[in-house]
Amino acid sequence: MTITQLRYVLAVAEHQNFTKAAEKTFVTQPTLSMQIQKLEDELDILIFDRSKKPIELTEVGKKLVQQARNIVNESERIQDIVDQQKGFIGGEFKLGIIPTVMPTLLPMFLKNFISKFPKVKLKIEELNTEAIIEHLQDGHLDAAIAATPLQNEFIKERVLYYEPFVGYIPSSHRLSHKNKIDATDLNIDDMLLLEDGHCFRDGIINLCKTQKGYEEDHFQLESGSFETLIKLSNEGLGMTLLPYLHTLEINDSEKANLHYFNTPSPAREVSLIFNKSELKMQIIEALHTTISGIVKGAITFQNVQIISPLSKIKSD
């Protein structure tokens, strides 16, 4: 049994296809198939049910894959220990970022990080929170940037910053006369929201759930981007809430529609998250230091109230 054979098994388990797995592991399909067959012969089991389309793991194969993932991760830890001892910060690093953070945060830190750590090969992917958690657990991401807390026992969270919510309220709206707004002013009936799947949307719903008169699924108008929500709001279709960093990029005429909350301002917690068994901690530390240092100068709010991104909130 070799580490290489286990890597091939993990690739086939992921892609459910020998040809795709061979492409991803940069070997020929016959070579990959032969090595998996040798492992099956050695163990006297069938790892994959090849009669199914797509290929499926057998029951014993499922157990073997779980252990194989642990073994492969531990083998990579040896190189990680050596890198840390040498103070080396480099290599491939797969980072996921949620859609409501990616457009504003990435331009703020990416060029700076690449300049400081040119030996790190970042592979960045935009994913929603659910997909990020899944990818962290199966080893397809090294770390991610997401709204927290997530309350996941397998994931560690290191806070990067706290980002206040800001009201975007057109002149025709009932709240436009108020210099500052309170959470009690919000009404889900005239709130424009991101479409389902965005944790920022869930945070707003949780904020509105704390106010009297909330009815589940009463809102109807939803969109996939803050830019669209702003345009719909400008058309008099309601108000919306924006994350603070997004407000730095809107044009001057639209900035007149921004209304800040009285303190404590509702806010989201944004963290660098990673699996508890994650390697490459030196890169995670470098990312955390770089991002938190840059954002600290952009967000000066001190008194905030963190709104959970979880779709269900505690009754107390």
Protein backbone atom coordinates (compact mmCIF):
# COMPACT_ATOMS: atom_id res chain seq x y z
CA MET A 1 0.00 0.00 0.00
CA THR A 2 1.38 3.41 -0.95
CA ILE A 3 0.40 7.07 -0.44
CA THR A 4 0.15 7.40 -4.22
CA GLN A 5 -2.41 4.60 -4.40
CA LEU A 6 -4.46 6.27 -1.69
CA ARG A 7 -4.34 9.58 -3.58
CA TYR A 8 -5.70 7.79 -6.66
CA VAL A 9 -8.52 6.26 -4.61
CA LEU A 10 -9.47 9.69 -3.24
CA ALA A 11 -9.48 11.15 -6.74
CA VAL A 12 -11.80 8.45 -8.10
CA ALA A 13 -14.06 8.77 -5.05
CA GLU A 14 -14.35 12.50 -5.69
CA HIS A 15 -14.91 12.46 -9.46
CA GLN A 16 -16.68 9.07 -9.69
CA ASN A 17 -14.84 8.48 -12.93
CA PHE A 18 -11.45 6.88 -13.60
CA THR A 19 -10.65 9.08 -16.60
CA LYS A 20 -11.39 12.36 -14.79
CA ALA A 21 -9.47 11.15 -11.74
CA ALA A 22 -6.45 10.35 -13.91
CA GLU A 23 -6.56 13.84 -15.44
CA LYS A 24 -6.68 15.48 -12.01
CA THR A 25 -3.76 13.41 -10.70
CA PHE A 26 -1.71 13.87 -13.90
CA VAL A 27 -1.32 10.19 -14.78
CA THR A 28 -2.70 8.01 -17.54
CA GLN A 29 -5.99 6.26 -16.93
CA PRO A 30 -4.44 2.76 -17.28
CA THR A 31 -1.78 3.62 -14.68
CA LEU A 32 -4.36 4.87 -12.20
CA SER A 33 -6.65 1.87 -12.77
CA MET A 34 -3.75 -0.57 -12.38
CA GLN A 35 -2.61 0.96 -9.07
CA ILE A 36 -6.12 0.87 -7.62
CA GLN A 37 -6.53 -2.72 -8.79
CA LYS A 38 -3.24 -3.64 -7.07
CA LEU A 39 -4.49 -2.07 -3.84
CA GLU A 40 -7.79 -3.94 -4.05
CA ASP A 41 -5.92 -7.20 -4.68
CA GLU A 42 -3.60 -6.56 -1.75
CA LEU A 43 -6.52 -5.87 0.61
CA ASP A 44 -8.74 -8.52 -0.99
CA ILE A 45 -11.68 -6.12 -1.28
CA LEU A 46 -13.53 -4.08 -3.88
CA ILE A 47 -13.23 -0.35 -3.19
CA PHE A 48 -15.43 0.72 -6.09
CA ASP A 49 -18.56 -0.74 -7.62
CA ARG A 50 -17.66 -0.40 -11.29
CA SER A 51 -21.05 -1.69 -12.46
CA LYS A 52 -22.70 1.56 -11.36
CA LYS A 53 -22.75 4.69 -13.52
CA PRO A 54 -21.31 6.86 -12.16
CA ILE A 55 -18.92 4.68 -10.19
CA GLU A 56 -19.83 4.29 -6.51
CA LEU A 57 -17.89 3.34 -3.40
CA THR A 58 -18.69 0.00 -1.82
CA GLU A 59 -19.52 0.00 1.88
CA VAL A 60 -15.99 -0.99 2.82
CA GLY A 61 -14.74 1.50 0.24
CA LYS A 62 -16.48 4.34 2.08
CA LYS A 63 -14.67 3.44 5.29
CA LEU A 64 -11.37 3.09 3.47
CA VAL A 65 -11.73 6.56 1.87
CA GLN A 66 -12.26 8.18 5.27
CA GLN A 67 -9.07 6.62 6.57
CA ALA A 68 -7.18 7.31 3.33
CA ARG A 69 -7.96 11.01 3.63
CA ASN A 70 -6.50 11.04 7.14
CA ILE A 71 -3.38 9.20 6.03
CA VAL A 72 -2.77 11.49 3.04
CA ASN A 73 -3.28 14.59 5.20
CA GLU A 74 -0.85 13.30 7.81
CA SER A 75 1.75 12.52 5.13
CA GLU A 76 1.52 16.13 3.93
CA ARG A 77 2.00 17.32 7.50
CA ILE A 78 5.61 16.10 7.37
CA GLN A 79 6.45 18.61 4.63
CA ASP A 80 4.47 21.26 6.51
CA ILE A 81 6.57 20.69 9.64
CA VAL A 82 9.75 21.06 7.60
CA ASP A 83 8.47 24.25 5.93
CA GLN A 84 7.56 25.82 9.27
CA GLN A 85 10.94 24.91 10.75
CA LYS A 86 12.67 26.61 7.81
CA GLY A 87 10.34 29.61 7.98
CA PHE A 88 9.22 28.91 4.41
CA ILE A 89 5.93 30.51 3.35
CA GLY A 90 5.01 29.19 -0.07
CA GLY A 91 3.33 26.52 -2.15
CA GLU A 92 -0.25 26.12 -3.37
CA PHE A 93 -3.00 27.42 -1.10
CA LYS A 94 -6.71 27.05 -1.91
CA LEU A 95 -8.86 29.84 -0.49
CA GLY A 96 -12.65 30.15 -0.65
CA ILE A 97 -14.46 33.48 -0.21
CA ILE A 98 -18.19 34.11 0.13
CA PRO A 99 -19.81 36.24 -2.63
CA THR A 100 -20.74 39.19 -0.38
CA VAL A 101 -17.11 39.58 0.72
CA MET A 102 -15.16 38.74 -2.45
CA PRO A 103 -15.75 41.93 -4.55
CA THR A 104 -14.76 44.39 -1.83
CA LEU A 105 -12.15 42.55 0.22
CA LEU A 106 -10.13 40.81 -2.49
CA PRO A 107 -8.92 44.01 -4.21
CA MET A 108 -7.93 45.40 -0.82
CA PHE A 109 -5.45 42.68 0.14
CA LEU A 110 -4.54 40.51 -2.87
CA LYS A 111 -1.83 42.68 -4.48
CA ASN A 112 -0.29 43.39 -1.08
CA PHE A 113 -0.24 39.71 -0.12
CA ILE A 114 1.26 38.58 -3.44
CA SER A 115 3.97 41.20 -3.09
CA LYS A 116 4.84 40.12 0.45
CA PHE A 117 4.64 36.37 -0.17
CA PRO A 118 5.52 35.74 -3.84
CA LYS A 119 6.15 32.02 -3.25
CA VAL A 120 2.52 31.38 -2.26
CA LYS A 121 0.37 30.25 -5.18
CA LEU A 122 -3.15 31.32 -4.22
CA LYS A 123 -6.08 29.55 -5.84
CA ILE A 124 -9.18 31.57 -4.98
CA GLU A 125 -12.76 30.42 -5.49
CA GLU A 126 -16.04 32.20 -4.79
CA LEU A 127 -18.37 29.87 -2.88
CA ASN A 128 -21.37 30.18 -0.59
CA THR A 129 -20.98 29.25 3.07
CA GLU A 130 -22.52 25.79 2.73
CA ALA A 131 -20.12 24.85 -0.07
CA ILE A 132 -17.17 26.29 1.85
CA ILE A 133 -17.89 24.13 4.90
CA GLU A 134 -18.19 21.04 2.70
CA HIS A 135 -14.93 21.83 0.86
CA LEU A 136 -13.04 22.47 4.09
CA GLN A 137 -14.17 19.16 5.51
CA ASP A 138 -13.25 17.13 2.44
CA GLY A 139 -9.88 18.84 1.99
CA HIS A 140 -10.64 20.77 -1.22
CA LEU A 141 -9.96 24.10 0.50
CA ASP A 142 -7.13 25.06 2.82
CA ALA A 143 -9.03 28.01 4.30
CA ALA A 144 -11.89 30.40 3.58
CA ILE A 145 -13.21 33.84 4.41
CA ALA A 146 -16.81 33.79 5.62
CA ALA A 147 -19.28 35.36 8.01
CA THR A 148 -19.13 33.78 11.45
CA PRO A 149 -19.82 32.31 13.97
CA LEU A 150 -20.69 29.06 12.19
CA GLN A 151 -20.86 26.78 15.23
CA ASN A 152 -19.14 23.92 13.42
CA GLU A 153 -17.08 21.65 15.65
CA PHE A 154 -14.64 20.76 12.87
CA ILE A 155 -13.79 24.33 11.87
CA LYS A 156 -11.63 26.94 13.58
CA GLU A 157 -12.43 30.64 13.19
CA ARG A 158 -10.03 33.58 13.43
CA VAL A 159 -11.81 36.93 13.31
CA LEU A 160 -10.55 39.34 10.64
CA TYR A 161 -12.90 42.26 11.20
CA TYR A 162 -16.39 43.37 12.20
CA GLU A 163 -18.35 44.98 9.37
CA PRO A 164 -21.38 47.15 10.22
CA PHE A 165 -24.62 47.12 8.24
CA VAL A 166 -25.56 50.39 6.54
CA GLY A 167 -29.05 51.30 5.39
CA TYR A 168 -29.54 52.33 1.77
CA ILE A 169 -32.73 54.37 1.82
CA PRO A 170 -34.01 56.38 -1.20
CA SER A 171 -35.62 59.79 -0.69
CA SER A 172 -39.11 58.39 -1.29
CA HIS A 173 -38.84 55.87 1.58
CA ARG A 174 -40.59 56.31 4.94
CA LEU A 175 -37.23 56.36 6.78
CA SER A 176 -35.44 58.85 4.52
CA HIS A 177 -35.98 61.74 6.98
CA LYS A 178 -34.00 60.02 9.73
CA ASN A 179 -30.31 60.86 10.04
CA LYS A 180 -29.65 57.58 11.82
CA ILE A 181 -31.80 54.48 12.05
CA ASP A 182 -32.44 51.75 14.63
CA ALA A 183 -33.05 48.05 14.17
CA THR A 184 -36.60 48.68 15.42
CA ASP A 185 -37.23 50.85 12.32
CA LEU A 186 -36.77 47.90 9.99
CA ASN A 187 -39.75 46.23 8.36
CA ILE A 188 -39.25 43.10 6.29
CA ASP A 189 -42.21 44.15 4.11
CA ASP A 190 -40.19 46.95 2.45
CA MET A 191 -36.76 45.33 2.62
CA LEU A 192 -34.94 44.26 -0.55
CA LEU A 193 -32.89 41.14 0.10
CA LEU A 194 -30.24 39.04 -1.55
CA GLU A 195 -31.52 35.76 -2.93
CA ASP A 196 -31.52 32.60 -0.84
CA GLY A 197 -28.10 31.09 -0.16
CA HIS A 198 -26.33 34.29 0.95
CA CYS A 199 -25.39 34.47 4.61
CA PHE A 200 -25.69 38.29 4.54
CA ARG A 201 -29.36 37.79 3.70
CA ASP A 202 -29.71 35.40 6.65
CA GLY A 203 -28.13 37.97 8.95
CA ILE A 204 -30.67 40.60 7.89
CA ILE A 205 -33.55 38.17 8.34
CA ASN A 206 -32.27 37.33 11.82
CA LEU A 207 -32.06 41.04 12.61
CA CYS A 208 -35.66 41.53 11.45
CA LYS A 209 -36.82 38.46 13.36
CA THR A 210 -36.01 40.29 16.58
CA GLN A 211 -38.58 42.95 15.70
CA LYS A 212 -42.32 42.55 16.22
CA GLY A 213 -44.46 41.82 13.20
CA TYR A 214 -42.06 39.55 11.36
CA GLU A 215 -43.80 36.90 9.29
CA GLU A 216 -41.87 33.99 7.79
CA ASP A 217 -41.50 34.19 3.98
CA HIS A 218 -43.47 37.46 3.76
CA PHE A 219 -40.87 39.21 1.54
CA GLN A 220 -40.99 38.65 -2.19
CA LEU A 221 -38.40 40.78 -4.02
CA GLU A 222 -34.90 39.27 -4.00
CA SER A 223 -31.73 39.66 -6.08
CA GLY A 224 -28.27 38.15 -6.50
CA SER A 225 -26.16 41.31 -6.10
CA PHE A 226 -25.94 44.49 -4.05
CA GLU A 227 -25.72 46.54 -7.26
CA THR A 228 -29.14 45.26 -8.33
CA LEU A 229 -30.61 45.92 -4.88
CA ILE A 230 -29.37 49.52 -5.06
CA LYS A 231 -30.92 50.01 -8.51
CA LEU A 232 -34.23 48.53 -7.36
CA SER A 233 -34.15 50.76 -4.30
CA ASN A 234 -33.51 53.81 -6.49
CA GLU A 235 -36.68 52.87 -8.37
CA GLY A 236 -38.66 53.22 -5.15
CA LEU A 237 -39.19 49.51 -4.56
CA GLY A 238 -37.90 49.55 -0.99
CA MET A 239 -34.77 49.94 1.11
CA THR A 240 -31.89 47.56 1.58
CA LEU A 241 -28.94 46.99 3.90
CA LEU A 242 -25.35 46.94 2.67
CA PRO A 243 -22.11 45.76 4.26
CA TYR A 244 -19.97 48.78 5.15
CA LEU A 245 -17.07 48.03 2.77
CA HIS A 246 -19.48 47.94 -0.16
CA THR A 247 -20.61 51.50 0.61
CA LEU A 248 -17.07 52.79 -0.03
CA GLU A 249 -17.45 52.00 -3.74
CA ILE A 250 -20.84 53.49 -4.61
CA ASN A 251 -20.98 56.81 -6.44
CA ASP A 252 -21.34 60.18 -4.70
CA SER A 253 -24.98 60.71 -5.64
CA GLU A 254 -25.95 57.35 -4.13
CA LYS A 255 -23.97 58.01 -0.96
CA ALA A 256 -26.64 60.57 -0.06
CA ASN A 257 -28.98 57.59 0.47
CA LEU A 258 -26.75 55.95 3.09
CA HIS A 259 -28.10 55.93 6.64
CA TYR A 260 -26.00 54.62 9.50
CA PHE A 261 -27.37 52.87 12.58
CA ASN A 262 -27.36 54.29 16.06
CA THR A 263 -24.83 52.50 18.24
CA PRO A 264 -24.43 49.67 18.72
CA SER A 265 -24.59 49.19 14.98
CA PRO A 266 -25.69 45.76 13.76
CA ALA A 267 -22.69 44.12 12.10
CA ARG A 268 -21.36 40.86 10.75
CA GLU A 269 -18.26 39.09 11.95
CA VAL A 270 -15.94 38.10 9.08
CA SER A 271 -13.32 35.45 9.82
CA LEU A 272 -10.61 33.36 8.27
CA ILE A 273 -11.80 29.79 8.81
CA PHE A 274 -10.06 26.45 8.37
CA ASN A 275 -10.33 22.80 9.30
CA LYS A 276 -9.02 21.95 12.78
CA SER A 277 -6.59 19.50 11.18
CA GLU A 278 -5.40 22.03 8.60
CA LEU A 279 -1.77 22.23 7.56
CA LYS A 280 -0.01 25.31 6.15
CA MET A 281 -0.59 27.33 9.30
CA GLN A 282 2.21 29.71 8.34
CA ILE A 283 0.23 30.79 5.26
CA ILE A 284 -2.97 31.13 7.31
CA GLU A 285 -1.13 33.36 9.77
CA ALA A 286 0.28 35.46 6.91
CA LEU A 287 -3.20 35.89 5.41
CA HIS A 288 -4.72 36.83 8.74
CA THR A 289 -2.05 39.42 9.52
CA THR A 290 -2.22 40.97 6.05
CA ILE A 291 -6.01 41.19 5.79
CA SER A 292 -6.77 42.32 9.33
CA GLY A 293 -4.05 44.98 9.12
CA ILE A 294 -5.43 46.44 5.88
CA VAL A 295 -9.11 46.38 6.86
CA LYS A 296 -8.43 47.87 10.29
CA GLY A 297 -7.76 51.21 8.65
CA ALA A 298 -10.93 51.06 6.54
CA ILE A 299 -13.42 50.18 9.28
CA THR A 300 -13.27 52.48 12.30
CA PHE A 301 -16.54 51.51 14.01
CA GLN A 302 -16.03 50.52 17.64
CA ASN A 303 -19.46 49.75 19.13
CA VAL A 304 -21.18 47.01 17.12
CA GLN A 305 -23.69 44.24 17.70
CA ILE A 306 -22.83 41.02 15.88
CA ILE A 307 -25.74 39.50 13.95
CA SER A 308 -25.41 35.77 13.36
CA PRO A 309 -25.41 34.58 9.74
CA LEU A 310 -27.17 31.38 10.77
CA SER A 311 -30.70 31.10 9.39
CA LYS A 312 -32.02 29.92 12.75
CA ILE A 313 -31.57 32.05 15.87
CA LYS A 314 -31.99 31.08 19.48
CA SER A 315 -35.29 31.96 21.08
CA ASP A 316 -33.53 33.51 24.04
